[in-house]
PDB file of N, CA and C in Angstrom:
ATOM      1  N   MET A   1       0.857  -1.150  -0.018  1.00  0.00           N
ATOM      2  CA  MET A   1       0.008  -0.015  -0.001  1.00  0.00           C
ATOM      3  C   MET A   1       0.900   1.301  -0.010  1.00  0.00           C
ATOM      4  N   SER A   2       0.499   2.218  -0.800  1.00  0.00           N
ATOM      5  CA  SER A   2       1.355   3.440  -0.913  1.00  0.00           C
ATOM      6  C   SER A   2       1.338   4.164   0.447  1.00  0.00           C
ATOM      7  N   HIS A   3       2.578   4.319   0.978  1.00  0.00           N
ATOM      8  CA  HIS A   3       2.706   5.047   2.235  1.00  0.00           C
ATOM      9  C   HIS A   3       2.369   6.566   2.049  1.00  0.00           C
ATOM     10  N   VAL A   4       2.735   7.058   0.892  1.00  0.00           N
ATOM     11  CA  VAL A   4       2.534   8.509   0.572  1.00  0.00           C
ATOM     12  C   VAL A   4       1.004   8.726   0.448  1.00  0.00           C
ATOM     13  N   ALA A   5       0.310   7.838  -0.253  1.00  0.00           N
ATOM     14  CA  ALA A   5      -1.162   8.050  -0.410  1.00  0.00           C
ATOM     15  C   ALA A   5      -1.863   7.996   0.932  1.00  0.00           C
ATOM     16  N   HIS A   6      -1.357   6.983   1.759  1.00  0.00           N
ATOM     17  CA  HIS A   6      -1.981   6.769   3.062  1.00  0.00           C
ATOM     18  C   HIS A   6      -1.842   7.998   3.876  1.00  0.00           C
ATOM     19  N   LYS A   7      -0.624   8.583   3.879  1.00  0.00           N
ATOM     20  CA  LYS A   7      -0.341   9.797   4.675  1.00  0.00           C
ATOM     21  C   LYS A   7      -1.196  10.963   4.212  1.00  0.00           C
ATOM     22  N   HIS A   8      -1.356  11.121   2.877  1.00  0.00           N
ATOM     23  CA  HIS A   8      -2.105  12.198   2.380  1.00  0.00           C
ATOM     24  C   HIS A   8      -3.611  12.079   2.698  1.00  0.00           C
ATOM     25  N   LEU A   9      -4.098  10.813   2.666  1.00  0.00           N
ATOM     26  CA  LEU A   9      -5.541  10.582   3.043  1.00  0.00           C
ATOM     27  C   LEU A   9      -5.596  10.927   4.555  1.00  0.00           C
ATOM     28  N   GLN A  10      -4.727  10.554   5.338  1.00  0.00           N
ATOM     29  CA  GLN A  10      -4.783  10.963   6.750  1.00  0.00           C
ATOM     30  C   GLN A  10      -4.788  12.506   6.940  1.00  0.00           C
ATOM     31  N   GLY A  11      -4.041  13.183   6.100  1.00  0.00           N
ATOM     32  CA  GLY A  11      -3.968  14.650   6.057  1.00  0.00           C
ATOM     33  C   GLY A  11      -5.268  15.281   5.672  1.00  0.00           C
ATOM     34  N   MET A  12      -6.116  14.456   4.975  1.00  0.00           N
ATOM     35  CA  MET A  12      -7.473  14.906   4.542  1.00  0.00           C
ATOM     36  C   MET A  12      -8.495  14.592   5.660  1.00  0.00           C
ATOM     37  N   GLY A  13      -8.046  13.992   6.776  1.00  0.00           N
ATOM     38  CA  GLY A  13      -8.992  13.644   7.835  1.00  0.00           C
ATOM     39  C   GLY A  13      -9.411  12.192   7.948  1.00  0.00           C
ATOM     40  N   PHE A  14      -8.846  11.386   7.101  1.00  0.00           N
ATOM     41  CA  PHE A  14      -9.133   9.916   7.208  1.00  0.00           C
ATOM     42  C   PHE A  14      -8.421   9.319   8.378  1.00  0.00           C
ATOM     43  N   SER A  15      -9.046   8.388   9.044  1.00  0.00           N
ATOM     44  CA  SER A  15      -8.336   7.728  10.158  1.00  0.00           C
ATOM     45  C   SER A  15      -7.316   6.739   9.502  1.00  0.00           C
ATOM     46  N   GLU A  16      -6.455   6.131  10.283  1.00  0.00           N
ATOM     47  CA  GLU A  16      -5.506   5.227   9.730  1.00  0.00           C
ATOM     48  C   GLU A  16      -6.193   3.982   9.025  1.00  0.00           C
ATOM     49  N   LYS A  17      -7.189   3.438   9.747  1.00  0.00           N
ATOM     50  CA  LYS A  17      -7.900   2.295   9.221  1.00  0.00           C
ATOM     51  C   LYS A  17      -8.715   2.613   8.051  1.00  0.00           C
ATOM     52  N   GLU A  18      -9.393   3.794   8.078  1.00  0.00           N
ATOM     53  CA  GLU A  18     -10.237   4.269   7.020  1.00  0.00           C
ATOM     54  C   GLU A  18      -9.434   4.388   5.768  1.00  0.00           C
ATOM     55  N   ALA A  19      -8.221   4.978   5.905  1.00  0.00           N
ATOM     56  CA  ALA A  19      -7.229   5.082   4.730  1.00  0.00           C
ATOM     57  C   ALA A  19      -6.894   3.660   4.185  1.00  0.00           C
ATOM     58  N   LYS A  20      -6.546   2.781   5.087  1.00  0.00           N
ATOM     59  CA  LYS A  20      -6.154   1.412   4.658  1.00  0.00           C
ATOM     60  C   LYS A  20      -7.336   0.747   3.862  1.00  0.00           C
ATOM     61  N   VAL A  21      -8.550   0.894   4.379  1.00  0.00           N
ATOM     62  CA  VAL A  21      -9.693   0.251   3.708  1.00  0.00           C
ATOM     63  C   VAL A  21      -9.957   0.957   2.361  1.00  0.00           C
ATOM     64  N   TYR A  22      -9.896   2.227   2.328  1.00  0.00           N
ATOM     65  CA  TYR A  22     -10.108   2.963   1.073  1.00  0.00           C
ATOM     66  C   TYR A  22      -9.063   2.557   0.020  1.00  0.00           C
ATOM     67  N   LEU A  23      -7.797   2.575   0.390  1.00  0.00           N
ATOM     68  CA  LEU A  23      -6.751   2.207  -0.554  1.00  0.00           C
ATOM     69  C   LEU A  23      -6.887   0.799  -1.064  1.00  0.00           C
ATOM     70  N   THR A  24      -7.313  -0.085  -0.135  1.00  0.00           N
ATOM     71  CA  THR A  24      -7.567  -1.435  -0.569  1.00  0.00           C
ATOM     72  C   THR A  24      -8.677  -1.549  -1.545  1.00  0.00           C
ATOM     73  N   CYS A  25      -9.721  -0.803  -1.332  1.00  0.00           N
ATOM     74  CA  CYS A  25     -10.831  -0.793  -2.293  1.00  0.00           C
ATOM     75  C   CYS A  25     -10.378  -0.159  -3.668  1.00  0.00           C
ATOM     76  N   ILE A  26      -9.569   0.795  -3.561  1.00  0.00           N
ATOM     77  CA  ILE A  26      -9.056   1.430  -4.899  1.00  0.00           C
ATOM     78  C   ILE A  26      -8.210   0.386  -5.654  1.00  0.00           C
ATOM     79  N   LYS A  27      -7.363  -0.316  -4.943  1.00  0.00           N
ATOM     80  CA  LYS A  27      -6.452  -1.270  -5.600  1.00  0.00           C
ATOM     81  C   LYS A  27      -7.110  -2.574  -6.052  1.00  0.00           C
ATOM     82  N   SER A  28      -8.156  -3.016  -5.291  1.00  0.00           N
ATOM     83  CA  SER A  28      -8.675  -4.328  -5.469  1.00  0.00           C
ATOM     84  C   SER A  28      -9.955  -4.376  -6.359  1.00  0.00           C
ATOM     85  N   GLY A  29     -10.616  -3.357  -6.569  1.00  0.00           N
ATOM     86  CA  GLY A  29     -11.873  -3.342  -7.238  1.00  0.00           C
ATOM     87  C   GLY A  29     -12.983  -3.901  -6.300  1.00  0.00           C
ATOM     88  N   ALA A  30     -14.010  -4.367  -6.841  1.00  0.00           N
ATOM     89  CA  ALA A  30     -15.123  -4.911  -6.077  1.00  0.00           C
ATOM     90  C   ALA A  30     -14.672  -6.175  -5.268  1.00  0.00           C
ATOM     91  N   CYS A  31     -14.800  -6.064  -4.015  1.00  0.00           N
ATOM     92  CA  CYS A  31     -14.456  -7.117  -3.057  1.00  0.00           C
ATOM     93  C   CYS A  31     -15.410  -7.291  -1.893  1.00  0.00           C
ATOM     94  N   THR A  32     -15.414  -8.490  -1.337  1.00  0.00           N
ATOM     95  CA  THR A  32     -16.209  -8.755  -0.133  1.00  0.00           C
ATOM     96  C   THR A  32     -15.540  -8.132   1.006  1.00  0.00           C
ATOM     97  N   VAL A  33     -16.267  -7.941   2.124  1.00  0.00           N
ATOM     98  CA  VAL A  33     -15.747  -7.319   3.252  1.00  0.00           C
ATOM     99  C   VAL A  33     -14.589  -8.219   3.855  1.00  0.00           C
ATOM    100  N   ALA A  34     -14.733  -9.595   3.747  1.00  0.00           N
ATOM    101  CA  ALA A  34     -13.671 -10.410   4.168  1.00  0.00           C
ATOM    102  C   ALA A  34     -12.426 -10.167   3.456  1.00  0.00           C
ATOM    103  N   ASN A  35     -12.485 -10.034   2.184  1.00  0.00           N
ATOM    104  CA  ASN A  35     -11.297  -9.746   1.346  1.00  0.00           C
ATOM    105  C   ASN A  35     -10.688  -8.476   1.670  1.00  0.00           C
ATOM    106  N   ILE A  36     -11.525  -7.405   1.768  1.00  0.00           N
ATOM    107  CA  ILE A  36     -11.006  -6.117   2.098  1.00  0.00           C
ATOM    108  C   ILE A  36     -10.288  -6.089   3.464  1.00  0.00           C
ATOM    109  N   ALA A  37     -10.944  -6.726   4.468  1.00  0.00           N
ATOM    110  CA  ALA A  37     -10.393  -6.775   5.874  1.00  0.00           C
ATOM    111  C   ALA A  37      -9.018  -7.468   5.806  1.00  0.00           C
ATOM    112  N   GLU A  38      -8.981  -8.608   5.119  1.00  0.00           N
ATOM    113  CA  GLU A  38      -7.684  -9.287   5.053  1.00  0.00           C
ATOM    114  C   GLU A  38      -6.602  -8.525   4.361  1.00  0.00           C
ATOM    115  N   ALA A  39      -6.941  -7.890   3.199  1.00  0.00           N
ATOM    116  CA  ALA A  39      -5.906  -7.148   2.474  1.00  0.00           C
ATOM    117  C   ALA A  39      -5.516  -5.886   3.213  1.00  0.00           C
ATOM    118  N   ALA A  40      -6.415  -5.256   4.025  1.00  0.00           N
ATOM    119  CA  ALA A  40      -6.147  -4.026   4.623  1.00  0.00           C
ATOM    120  C   ALA A  40      -5.501  -4.250   5.942  1.00  0.00           C
ATOM    121  N   GLY A  41      -5.613  -5.439   6.458  1.00  0.00           N
ATOM    122  CA  GLY A  41      -5.091  -5.775   7.838  1.00  0.00           C
ATOM    123  C   GLY A  41      -5.897  -5.113   8.888  1.00  0.00           C
ATOM    124  N   VAL A  42      -7.211  -5.042   8.586  1.00  0.00           N
ATOM    125  CA  VAL A  42      -8.212  -4.454   9.615  1.00  0.00           C
ATOM    126  C   VAL A  42      -9.143  -5.620   9.999  1.00  0.00           C
ATOM    127  N   LYS A  43      -9.584  -5.570  11.234  1.00  0.00           N
ATOM    128  CA  LYS A  43     -10.586  -6.594  11.658  1.00  0.00           C
ATOM    129  C   LYS A  43     -11.918  -6.437  10.889  1.00  0.00           C
ATOM    130  N   ARG A  44     -12.507  -7.482  10.665  1.00  0.00           N
ATOM    131  CA  ARG A  44     -13.740  -7.444   9.846  1.00  0.00           C
ATOM    132  C   ARG A  44     -14.804  -6.543  10.402  1.00  0.00           C
ATOM    133  N   PRO A  45     -15.147  -6.622  11.728  1.00  0.00           N
ATOM    134  CA  PRO A  45     -16.174  -5.592  12.233  1.00  0.00           C
ATOM    135  C   PRO A  45     -15.740  -4.196  11.994  1.00  0.00           C
ATOM    136  N   THR A  46     -14.506  -3.884  12.135  1.00  0.00           N
ATOM    137  CA  THR A  46     -13.972  -2.509  11.961  1.00  0.00           C
ATOM    138  C   THR A  46     -14.042  -2.178  10.486  1.00  0.00           C
ATOM    139  N   THR A  47     -13.893  -3.092   9.578  1.00  0.00           N
ATOM    140  CA  THR A  47     -13.956  -2.859   8.145  1.00  0.00           C
ATOM    141  C   THR A  47     -15.384  -2.456   7.772  1.00  0.00           C
ATOM    142  N   TYR A  48     -16.351  -3.086   8.404  1.00  0.00           N
ATOM    143  CA  TYR A  48     -17.711  -2.665   8.149  1.00  0.00           C
ATOM    144  C   TYR A  48     -17.936  -1.231   8.520  1.00  0.00           C
ATOM    145  N   VAL A  49     -17.452  -0.807   9.623  1.00  0.00           N
ATOM    146  CA  VAL A  49     -17.604   0.572  10.061  1.00  0.00           C
ATOM    147  C   VAL A  49     -16.860   1.511   9.162  1.00  0.00           C
ATOM    148  N   MET A  50     -15.633   1.174   8.812  1.00  0.00           N
ATOM    149  CA  MET A  50     -14.969   2.047   7.827  1.00  0.00           C
ATOM    150  C   MET A  50     -15.692   2.106   6.459  1.00  0.00           C
ATOM    151  N   LEU A  51     -16.203   0.968   5.967  1.00  0.00           N
ATOM    152  CA  LEU A  51     -16.935   1.045   4.665  1.00  0.00           C
ATOM    153  C   LEU A  51     -18.187   1.915   4.820  1.00  0.00           C
ATOM    154  N   LYS A  52     -18.816   1.763   5.940  1.00  0.00           N
ATOM    155  CA  LYS A  52     -20.071   2.624   6.081  1.00  0.00           C
ATOM    156  C   LYS A  52     -19.698   4.139   6.016  1.00  0.00           C
ATOM    157  N   GLY A  53     -18.652   4.539   6.705  1.00  0.00           N
ATOM    158  CA  GLY A  53     -18.199   5.874   6.687  1.00  0.00           C
ATOM    159  C   GLY A  53     -17.821   6.291   5.228  1.00  0.00           C
ATOM    160  N   LEU A  54     -17.094   5.411   4.531  1.00  0.00           N
ATOM    161  CA  LEU A  54     -16.707   5.728   3.200  1.00  0.00           C
ATOM    162  C   LEU A  54     -17.875   5.846   2.244  1.00  0.00           C
ATOM    163  N   MET A  55     -18.910   5.032   2.479  1.00  0.00           N
ATOM    164  CA  MET A  55     -20.106   5.148   1.697  1.00  0.00           C
ATOM    165  C   MET A  55     -20.838   6.477   1.993  1.00  0.00           C
ATOM    166  N   GLU A  56     -20.843   6.917   3.220  1.00  0.00           N
ATOM    167  CA  GLU A  56     -21.407   8.200   3.546  1.00  0.00           C
ATOM    168  C   GLU A  56     -20.760   9.342   2.916  1.00  0.00           C
ATOM    169  N   LYS A  57     -19.416   9.181   2.657  1.00  0.00           N
ATOM    170  CA  LYS A  57     -18.644  10.244   2.028  1.00  0.00           C
ATOM    171  C   LYS A  57     -18.682  10.085   0.551  1.00  0.00           C
ATOM    172  N   GLU A  58     -19.472   9.082  -0.011  1.00  0.00           N
ATOM    173  CA  GLU A  58     -19.650   8.800  -1.349  1.00  0.00           C
ATOM    174  C   GLU A  58     -18.310   8.441  -2.041  1.00  0.00           C
ATOM    175  N   LEU A  59     -17.485   7.669  -1.384  1.00  0.00           N
ATOM    176  CA  LEU A  59     -16.225   7.255  -1.896  1.00  0.00           C
ATOM    177  C   LEU A  59     -16.200   5.793  -2.217  1.00  0.00           C
ATOM    178  N   VAL A  60     -17.126   5.121  -1.694  1.00  0.00           N
ATOM    179  CA  VAL A  60     -17.246   3.608  -1.860  1.00  0.00           C
ATOM    180  C   VAL A  60     -18.677   3.300  -2.123  1.00  0.00           C
ATOM    181  N   GLN A  61     -18.997   2.342  -2.963  1.00  0.00           N
ATOM    182  CA  GLN A  61     -20.333   1.966  -3.193  1.00  0.00           C
ATOM    183  C   GLN A  61     -20.507   0.455  -2.958  1.00  0.00           C
ATOM    184  N   LEU A  62     -21.784   0.084  -2.646  1.00  0.00           N
ATOM    185  CA  LEU A  62     -22.163  -1.348  -2.462  1.00  0.00           C
ATOM    186  C   LEU A  62     -22.606  -1.879  -3.778  1.00  0.00           C
ATOM    187  N   VAL A  63     -22.130  -3.070  -4.095  1.00  0.00           N
ATOM    188  CA  VAL A  63     -22.506  -3.677  -5.369  1.00  0.00           C
ATOM    189  C   VAL A  63     -23.036  -5.083  -5.075  1.00  0.00           C
ATOM    190  N   LYS A  64     -24.157  -5.338  -5.522  1.00  0.00           N
ATOM    191  CA  LYS A  64     -24.756  -6.650  -5.354  1.00  0.00           C
ATOM    192  C   LYS A  64     -24.573  -7.465  -6.619  1.00  0.00           C
ATOM    193  N   LYS A  65     -24.070  -8.711  -6.438  1.00  0.00           N
ATOM    194  CA  LYS A  65     -23.919  -9.648  -7.530  1.00  0.00           C
ATOM    195  C   LYS A  65     -24.513 -10.980  -7.067  1.00  0.00           C
ATOM    196  N   GLY A  66     -25.744 -11.169  -7.577  1.00  0.00           N
ATOM    197  CA  GLY A  66     -26.461 -12.378  -7.108  1.00  0.00           C
ATOM    198  C   GLY A  66     -26.835 -12.155  -5.568  1.00  0.00           C
ATOM    199  N   LYS A  67     -26.401 -13.200  -4.784  1.00  0.00           N
ATOM    200  CA  LYS A  67     -26.617 -13.087  -3.349  1.00  0.00           C
ATOM    201  C   LYS A  67     -25.499 -12.491  -2.569  1.00  0.00           C
ATOM    202  N   LYS A  68     -24.380 -12.200  -3.335  1.00  0.00           N
ATOM    203  CA  LYS A  68     -23.183 -11.706  -2.683  1.00  0.00           C
ATOM    204  C   LYS A  68     -23.192 -10.176  -2.703  1.00  0.00           C
ATOM    205  N   THR A  69     -22.551  -9.593  -1.667  1.00  0.00           N
ATOM    206  CA  THR A  69     -22.374  -8.149  -1.512  1.00  0.00           C
ATOM    207  C   THR A  69     -20.932  -7.775  -1.589  1.00  0.00           C
ATOM    208  N   TYR A  70     -20.634  -6.903  -2.485  1.00  0.00           N
ATOM    209  CA  TYR A  70     -19.308  -6.449  -2.673  1.00  0.00           C
ATOM    210  C   TYR A  70     -19.272  -4.902  -2.465  1.00  0.00           C
ATOM    211  N   PHE A  71     -18.046  -4.449  -2.204  1.00  0.00           N
ATOM    212  CA  PHE A  71     -17.838  -3.059  -1.980  1.00  0.00           C
ATOM    213  C   PHE A  71     -16.731  -2.581  -3.046  1.00  0.00           C
ATOM    214  N   ALA A  72     -17.031  -1.485  -3.679  1.00  0.00           N
ATOM    215  CA  ALA A  72     -16.057  -1.004  -4.702  1.00  0.00           C
ATOM    216  C   ALA A  72     -15.840   0.516  -4.490  1.00  0.00           C
ATOM    217  N   ALA A  73     -14.574   0.893  -4.670  1.00  0.00           N
ATOM    218  CA  ALA A  73     -14.325   2.361  -4.564  1.00  0.00           C
ATOM    219  C   ALA A  73     -14.865   3.114  -5.785  1.00  0.00           C
ATOM    220  N   MET A  74     -15.324   4.274  -5.515  1.00  0.00           N
ATOM    221  CA  MET A  74     -15.672   5.240  -6.633  1.00  0.00           C
ATOM    222  C   MET A  74     -14.386   5.654  -7.287  1.00  0.00           C
ATOM    223  N   HIS A  75     -14.485   6.282  -8.415  1.00  0.00           N
ATOM    224  CA  HIS A  75     -13.251   6.819  -9.055  1.00  0.00           C
ATOM    225  C   HIS A  75     -12.644   7.816  -8.091  1.00  0.00           C
ATOM    226  N   PRO A  76     -11.288   7.816  -8.130  1.00  0.00           N
ATOM    227  CA  PRO A  76     -10.522   8.828  -7.207  1.00  0.00           C
ATOM    228  C   PRO A  76     -11.045  10.252  -7.301  1.00  0.00           C
ATOM    229  N   HIS A  77     -11.561  10.644  -8.459  1.00  0.00           N
ATOM    230  CA  HIS A  77     -12.201  12.064  -8.615  1.00  0.00           C
ATOM    231  C   HIS A  77     -13.236  12.264  -7.530  1.00  0.00           C
ATOM    232  N   ALA A  78     -13.815  11.239  -7.022  1.00  0.00           N
ATOM    233  CA  ALA A  78     -14.828  11.380  -5.914  1.00  0.00           C
ATOM    234  C   ALA A  78     -14.254  12.061  -4.776  1.00  0.00           C
ATOM    235  N   LEU A  79     -12.919  11.909  -4.538  1.00  0.00           N
ATOM    236  CA  LEU A  79     -12.338  12.702  -3.413  1.00  0.00           C
ATOM    237  C   LEU A  79     -12.502  14.225  -3.555  1.00  0.00           C
ATOM    238  N   LYS A  80     -12.370  14.660  -4.772  1.00  0.00           N
ATOM    239  CA  LYS A  80     -12.513  16.073  -5.028  1.00  0.00           C
ATOM    240  C   LYS A  80     -13.961  16.560  -4.626  1.00  0.00           C
ATOM    241  N   LYS A  81     -14.944  15.715  -5.039  1.00  0.00           N
ATOM    242  CA  LYS A  81     -16.333  16.052  -4.748  1.00  0.00           C
ATOM    243  C   LYS A  81     -16.556  16.061  -3.208  1.00  0.00           C
ATOM    244  N   HIS A  82     -15.929  15.088  -2.535  1.00  0.00           N
ATOM    245  CA  HIS A  82     -16.055  14.997  -1.121  1.00  0.00           C
ATOM    246  C   HIS A  82     -15.527  16.210  -0.474  1.00  0.00           C
ATOM    247  N   VAL A  83     -14.350  16.742  -0.928  1.00  0.00           N
ATOM    248  CA  VAL A  83     -13.786  18.000  -0.343  1.00  0.00           C
ATOM    249  C   VAL A  83     -14.661  19.151  -0.625  1.00  0.00           C
ATOM    250  N   GLU A  84     -15.259  19.216  -1.793  1.00  0.00           N
ATOM    251  CA  GLU A  84     -16.218  20.252  -2.205  1.00  0.00           C
ATOM    252  C   GLU A  84     -17.439  20.274  -1.236  1.00  0.00           C
ATOM    253  N   ARG A  85     -17.886  19.069  -0.902  1.00  0.00           N
ATOM    254  CA  ARG A  85     -19.021  19.005   0.029  1.00  0.00           C
ATOM    255  C   ARG A  85     -18.658  19.425   1.426  1.00  0.00           C
ATOM    256  N   GLU A  86     -17.439  19.100   1.825  1.00  0.00           N
ATOM    257  CA  GLU A  86     -16.947  19.569   3.183  1.00  0.00           C
ATOM    258  C   GLU A  86     -16.805  21.074   3.173  1.00  0.00           C
ATOM    259  N   ARG A  87     -16.235  21.633   2.062  1.00  0.00           N
ATOM    260  CA  ARG A  87     -16.155  23.094   1.939  1.00  0.00           C
ATOM    261  C   ARG A  87     -17.461  23.802   2.075  1.00  0.00           C
ATOM    262  N   ALA A  88     -18.453  23.341   1.388  1.00  0.00           N
ATOM    263  CA  ALA A  88     -19.804  23.855   1.413  1.00  0.00           C
ATOM    264  C   ALA A  88     -20.417  23.782   2.798  1.00  0.00           C
ATOM    265  N   ALA A  89     -20.155  22.641   3.533  1.00  0.00           N
ATOM    266  CA  ALA A  89     -20.678  22.508   4.859  1.00  0.00           C
ATOM    267  C   ALA A  89     -19.955  23.469   5.776  1.00  0.00           C
ATOM    268  N   LEU A  90     -18.615  23.640   5.629  1.00  0.00           N
ATOM    269  CA  LEU A  90     -17.905  24.592   6.410  1.00  0.00           C
ATOM    270  C   LEU A  90     -18.375  26.066   6.126  1.00  0.00           C
ATOM    271  N   SER A  91     -18.678  26.384   4.902  1.00  0.00           N
ATOM    272  CA  SER A  91     -19.235  27.706   4.568  1.00  0.00           C
ATOM    273  C   SER A  91     -20.546  27.959   5.266  1.00  0.00           C
ATOM    274  N   LYS A  92     -21.365  26.950   5.285  1.00  0.00           N
ATOM    275  CA  LYS A  92     -22.695  27.060   5.987  1.00  0.00           C
ATOM    276  C   LYS A  92     -22.457  27.297   7.499  1.00  0.00           C
ATOM    277  N   LYS A  93     -21.481  26.551   8.131  1.00  0.00           N
ATOM    278  CA  LYS A  93     -21.216  26.769   9.492  1.00  0.00           C
ATOM    279  C   LYS A  93     -20.783  28.140   9.810  1.00  0.00           C
ATOM    280  N   GLU A  94     -19.851  28.630   8.858  1.00  0.00           N
ATOM    281  CA  GLU A  94     -19.355  30.007   9.120  1.00  0.00           C
ATOM    282  C   GLU A  94     -20.485  31.075   8.958  1.00  0.00           C
ATOM    283  N   ALA A  95     -21.439  30.885   8.166  1.00  0.00           N
ATOM    284  CA  ALA A  95     -22.541  31.780   7.971  1.00  0.00           C
ATOM    285  C   ALA A  95     -23.430  31.744   9.251  1.00  0.00           C
ATOM    286  N   ILE A  96     -23.576  30.559   9.780  1.00  0.00           N
ATOM    287  CA  ILE A  96     -24.431  30.386  11.043  1.00  0.00           C
ATOM    288  C   ILE A  96     -23.636  31.068  12.153  1.00  0.00           C
ATOM    289  N   LEU A  97     -22.309  30.889  12.222  1.00  0.00           N
ATOM    290  CA  LEU A  97     -21.512  31.426  13.300  1.00  0.00           C
ATOM    291  C   LEU A  97     -21.598  32.958  13.207  1.00  0.00           C
ATOM    292  N   ALA A  98     -21.556  33.556  12.074  1.00  0.00           N
ATOM    293  CA  ALA A  98     -21.673  35.027  11.889  1.00  0.00           C
ATOM    294  C   ALA A  98     -22.982  35.549  12.473  1.00  0.00           C
ATOM    295  N   GLU A  99     -24.074  34.811  12.402  1.00  0.00           N
ATOM    296  CA  GLU A  99     -25.352  35.172  13.014  1.00  0.00           C
ATOM    297  C   GLU A  99     -25.305  34.870  14.488  1.00  0.00           C
ATOM    298  N   LEU A 100     -24.685  33.806  14.918  1.00  0.00           N
ATOM    299  CA  LEU A 100     -24.679  33.390  16.270  1.00  0.00           C
ATOM    300  C   LEU A 100     -23.808  34.261  17.221  1.00  0.00           C
ATOM    301  N   LEU A 101     -22.715  34.674  16.752  1.00  0.00           N
ATOM    302  CA  LEU A 101     -21.820  35.394  17.641  1.00  0.00           C
ATOM    303  C   LEU A 101     -22.367  36.673  18.234  1.00  0.00           C
ATOM    304  N   PRO A 102     -23.136  37.489  17.389  1.00  0.00           N
ATOM    305  CA  PRO A 102     -23.722  38.686  18.062  1.00  0.00           C
ATOM    306  C   PRO A 102     -24.789  38.429  19.096  1.00  0.00           C
ATOM    307  N   ILE A 103     -25.307  37.135  19.054  1.00  0.00           N
ATOM    308  CA  ILE A 103     -26.289  36.693  20.079  1.00  0.00           C
ATOM    309  C   ILE A 103     -25.538  36.255  21.279  1.00  0.00           C
ATOM    310  N   LEU A 104     -24.485  35.468  21.095  1.00  0.00           N
ATOM    311  CA  LEU A 104     -23.774  34.867  22.279  1.00  0.00           C
ATOM    312  C   LEU A 104     -22.877  35.899  23.023  1.00  0.00           C
ATOM    313  N   VAL A 105     -22.225  36.773  22.289  1.00  0.00           N
ATOM    314  CA  VAL A 105     -21.266  37.658  23.005  1.00  0.00           C
ATOM    315  C   VAL A 105     -21.929  38.468  24.064  1.00  0.00           C
ATOM    316  N   PRO A 106     -23.059  39.064  23.900  1.00  0.00           N
ATOM    317  CA  PRO A 106     -23.686  39.830  24.992  1.00  0.00           C
ATOM    318  C   PRO A 106     -24.106  38.938  26.147  1.00  0.00           C
ATOM    319  N   MET A 107     -24.310  37.601  25.893  1.00  0.00           N
ATOM    320  CA  MET A 107     -24.724  36.666  26.953  1.00  0.00           C
ATOM    321  C   MET A 107     -23.523  36.323  27.809  1.00  0.00           C
ATOM    322  N   ALA A 108     -22.317  36.385  27.245  1.00  0.00           N
ATOM    323  CA  ALA A 108     -21.116  35.874  27.879  1.00  0.00           C
ATOM    324  C   ALA A 108     -20.825  36.730  29.158  1.00  0.00           C
ATOM    325  N   SER A 109     -20.476  36.022  30.196  1.00  0.00           N
ATOM    326  CA  SER A 109     -20.132  36.691  31.430  1.00  0.00           C
ATOM    327  C   SER A 109     -18.793  37.486  31.176  1.00  0.00           C
ATOM    328  N   GLU A 110     -18.571  38.514  32.027  1.00  0.00           N
ATOM    329  CA  GLU A 110     -17.379  39.230  31.903  1.00  0.00           C
ATOM    330  C   GLU A 110     -16.131  38.415  32.302  1.00  0.00           C
ATOM    331  N   THR A 111     -16.448  37.322  33.062  1.00  0.00           N
ATOM    332  CA  THR A 111     -15.368  36.466  33.531  1.00  0.00           C
ATOM    333  C   THR A 111     -14.789  35.539  32.414  1.00  0.00           C
ATOM    334  N   ILE A 112     -15.574  35.426  31.268  1.00  0.00           N
ATOM    335  CA  ILE A 112     -15.047  34.584  30.219  1.00  0.00           C
ATOM    336  C   ILE A 112     -14.049  35.331  29.437  1.00  0.00           C
ATOM    337  N   THR A 113     -12.949  34.723  29.237  1.00  0.00           N
ATOM    338  CA  THR A 113     -11.828  35.365  28.424  1.00  0.00           C
ATOM    339  C   THR A 113     -11.754  34.702  27.118  1.00  0.00           C
ATOM    340  N   GLU A 114     -11.215  35.343  26.125  1.00  0.00           N
ATOM    341  CA  GLU A 114     -11.046  34.911  24.718  1.00  0.00           C
ATOM    342  C   GLU A 114      -9.892  33.976  24.592  1.00  0.00           C
TER     343      GLU A 114
END
């Protein structure tokens, strides 16, 4: 597994295990949880949790083939879309904060320091 890619993913906010699972999905194509867990060196229950988070970030998708369930990484360009969604969410929080501070500042006790 690429150490550089792993470190960059962690720099983007991925946990160590989340980065391992994501990179395994990128390299392996559609795989079962058992295959992903083994290749990533992550326990199977943890792999399920990591895959759920990656699906919420729209970086991994669930693929059904007959009765089997596989997980496959989206194209790496999905990372850019993920960052754009995070940026939009942060902008929304900044707008809320701009409205909230004028309400909270007068409420703050004089004993509260910045």
